[in-house]
Amino acid sequence: MKDLLKYLGIFLVLLGVVILGIYAFQSMINNVLLVVAGLFLVGGVSLYIIFNRIFD
């Protein structure tokens, strides 16, 4: 379980990248996907750093 929790940040970063890809291929005027992707990217990197300091 700790191994999965340790890599939760990477999964969130990948989810943010997928959302950015969806935004790039759709012609949307709305910025909601950009905000959500940005939150996933920043939160994922933060969680990755924090969890690696806790579990290592």
N, C-alpha and C. Protein backbone atom coordinates (compact mmCIF):
# COMPACT_ATOMS: atom_id res chain seq x y z
N MET A 1 0.83 -1.19 0.00
CA MET A 1 0.00 0.00 0.00
C MET A 1 0.87 1.25 0.00
N LYS A 2 2.00 1.19 0.73
CA LYS A 2 2.87 2.36 0.75
C LYS A 2 3.47 2.62 -0.62
N ASP A 3 3.74 1.55 -1.38
CA ASP A 3 4.30 1.74 -2.71
C ASP A 3 3.31 2.44 -3.62
N LEU A 4 2.05 2.06 -3.53
CA LEU A 4 1.03 2.71 -4.36
C LEU A 4 0.84 4.16 -3.94
N LEU A 5 0.84 4.41 -2.65
CA LEU A 5 0.66 5.76 -2.15
C LEU A 5 1.87 6.63 -2.50
N LYS A 6 3.04 6.00 -2.55
CA LYS A 6 4.26 6.72 -2.87
C LYS A 6 4.22 7.28 -4.29
N TYR A 7 3.57 6.56 -5.22
CA TYR A 7 3.52 6.98 -6.61
C TYR A 7 2.19 7.63 -6.99
N LEU A 8 1.40 8.03 -6.03
CA LEU A 8 0.14 8.71 -6.30
C LEU A 8 0.37 10.03 -7.02
N GLY A 9 1.43 10.72 -6.67
CA GLY A 9 1.74 11.99 -7.31
C GLY A 9 1.99 11.85 -8.79
N ILE A 10 2.70 10.78 -9.18
CA ILE A 10 2.98 10.55 -10.60
C ILE A 10 1.68 10.28 -11.36
N PHE A 11 0.77 9.52 -10.75
CA PHE A 11 -0.51 9.26 -11.39
C PHE A 11 -1.30 10.55 -11.60
N LEU A 12 -1.24 11.45 -10.63
CA LEU A 12 -1.94 12.73 -10.78
C LEU A 12 -1.31 13.59 -11.87
N VAL A 13 0.01 13.56 -11.97
CA VAL A 13 0.69 14.32 -13.03
C VAL A 13 0.29 13.76 -14.39
N LEU A 14 0.27 12.44 -14.53
CA LEU A 14 -0.14 11.83 -15.79
C LEU A 14 -1.59 12.16 -16.14
N LEU A 15 -2.45 12.19 -15.14
CA LEU A 15 -3.84 12.58 -15.36
C LEU A 15 -3.93 14.03 -15.85
N GLY A 16 -3.11 14.90 -15.29
CA GLY A 16 -3.07 16.28 -15.75
C GLY A 16 -2.60 16.40 -17.18
N VAL A 17 -1.62 15.58 -17.56
CA VAL A 17 -1.13 15.59 -18.94
C VAL A 17 -2.21 15.09 -19.90
N VAL A 18 -2.95 14.07 -19.49
CA VAL A 18 -4.04 13.57 -20.33
C VAL A 18 -5.11 14.64 -20.51
N ILE A 19 -5.42 15.35 -19.45
CA ILE A 19 -6.42 16.42 -19.55
C ILE A 19 -5.92 17.53 -20.47
N LEU A 20 -4.62 17.86 -20.40
CA LEU A 20 -4.07 18.86 -21.32
C LEU A 20 -4.13 18.38 -22.77
N GLY A 21 -3.92 17.08 -22.98
CA GLY A 21 -4.04 16.53 -24.33
C GLY A 21 -5.46 16.62 -24.84
N ILE A 22 -6.42 16.35 -23.99
CA ILE A 22 -7.84 16.48 -24.38
C ILE A 22 -8.15 17.92 -24.73
N TYR A 23 -7.62 18.86 -23.95
CA TYR A 23 -7.86 20.27 -24.23
C TYR A 23 -7.23 20.68 -25.56
N ALA A 24 -6.05 20.14 -25.86
CA ALA A 24 -5.35 20.52 -27.09
C ALA A 24 -6.08 20.01 -28.34
N PHE A 25 -6.68 18.82 -28.25
CA PHE A 25 -7.32 18.26 -29.42
C PHE A 25 -8.76 18.70 -29.60
N GLN A 26 -9.35 19.27 -28.58
CA GLN A 26 -10.69 19.82 -28.71
C GLN A 26 -10.57 21.33 -28.87
N SER A 27 -11.43 21.89 -29.65
CA SER A 27 -11.41 23.35 -29.83
C SER A 27 -12.35 23.98 -28.82
N MET A 28 -11.87 24.06 -27.59
CA MET A 28 -12.69 24.63 -26.52
C MET A 28 -12.26 26.06 -26.23
N ILE A 29 -13.20 26.88 -25.95
CA ILE A 29 -12.92 28.25 -25.55
C ILE A 29 -12.84 28.33 -24.03
N ASN A 30 -13.37 27.34 -23.37
CA ASN A 30 -13.45 27.29 -21.92
C ASN A 30 -12.09 26.97 -21.31
N ASN A 31 -11.74 27.61 -20.21
CA ASN A 31 -10.46 27.40 -19.55
C ASN A 31 -10.56 26.45 -18.35
N VAL A 32 -11.67 25.81 -18.17
CA VAL A 32 -11.86 24.94 -17.01
C VAL A 32 -10.89 23.76 -17.05
N LEU A 33 -10.70 23.17 -18.24
CA LEU A 33 -9.78 22.04 -18.35
C LEU A 33 -8.34 22.47 -18.07
N LEU A 34 -7.97 23.68 -18.45
CA LEU A 34 -6.63 24.16 -18.14
C LEU A 34 -6.41 24.32 -16.65
N VAL A 35 -7.41 24.83 -15.96
CA VAL A 35 -7.30 25.01 -14.51
C VAL A 35 -7.23 23.66 -13.81
N VAL A 36 -8.07 22.73 -14.22
CA VAL A 36 -8.07 21.39 -13.61
C VAL A 36 -6.75 20.69 -13.87
N ALA A 37 -6.24 20.76 -15.10
CA ALA A 37 -4.97 20.13 -15.43
C ALA A 37 -3.83 20.77 -14.64
N GLY A 38 -3.85 22.06 -14.49
CA GLY A 38 -2.82 22.74 -13.70
C GLY A 38 -2.85 22.33 -12.24
N LEU A 39 -4.05 22.18 -11.69
CA LEU A 39 -4.17 21.73 -10.30
C LEU A 39 -3.66 20.31 -10.13
N PHE A 40 -3.97 19.44 -11.09
CA PHE A 40 -3.46 18.07 -11.03
C PHE A 40 -1.94 18.04 -11.14
N LEU A 41 -1.38 18.86 -12.02
CA LEU A 41 0.07 18.87 -12.19
C LEU A 41 0.78 19.39 -10.94
N VAL A 42 0.34 20.51 -10.43
CA VAL A 42 0.98 21.09 -9.23
C VAL A 42 0.75 20.20 -8.01
N GLY A 43 -0.48 19.71 -7.85
CA GLY A 43 -0.77 18.82 -6.72
C GLY A 43 -0.03 17.50 -6.82
N GLY A 44 0.10 16.97 -8.02
CA GLY A 44 0.81 15.71 -8.21
C GLY A 44 2.29 15.83 -7.89
N VAL A 45 2.92 16.89 -8.35
CA VAL A 45 4.34 17.10 -8.05
C VAL A 45 4.54 17.31 -6.56
N SER A 46 3.66 18.08 -5.94
CA SER A 46 3.75 18.32 -4.50
C SER A 46 3.58 17.04 -3.70
N LEU A 47 2.57 16.24 -4.06
CA LEU A 47 2.36 14.98 -3.36
C LEU A 47 3.51 14.01 -3.56
N TYR A 48 4.07 14.00 -4.76
CA TYR A 48 5.21 13.12 -5.03
C TYR A 48 6.39 13.47 -4.13
N ILE A 49 6.68 14.75 -4.01
CA ILE A 49 7.79 15.19 -3.16
C ILE A 49 7.51 14.89 -1.70
N ILE A 50 6.31 15.21 -1.23
CA ILE A 50 5.97 15.02 0.18
C ILE A 50 5.96 13.54 0.55
N PHE A 51 5.30 12.71 -0.27
CA PHE A 51 5.22 11.28 0.06
C PHE A 51 6.58 10.60 -0.03
N ASN A 52 7.44 11.02 -0.93
CA ASN A 52 8.77 10.42 -0.99
C ASN A 52 9.62 10.81 0.20
N ARG A 53 9.40 11.98 0.75
CA ARG A 53 10.12 12.34 1.97
C ARG A 53 9.60 11.58 3.18
N ILE A 54 8.31 11.30 3.20
CA ILE A 54 7.72 10.59 4.34
C ILE A 54 8.09 9.11 4.31
N PHE A 55 7.95 8.48 3.14
CA PHE A 55 8.10 7.03 3.07
C PHE A 55 9.52 6.56 2.81
N ASP A 56 10.47 7.46 2.57
CA ASP A 56 11.86 7.03 2.39
C ASP A 56 12.68 7.29 3.62
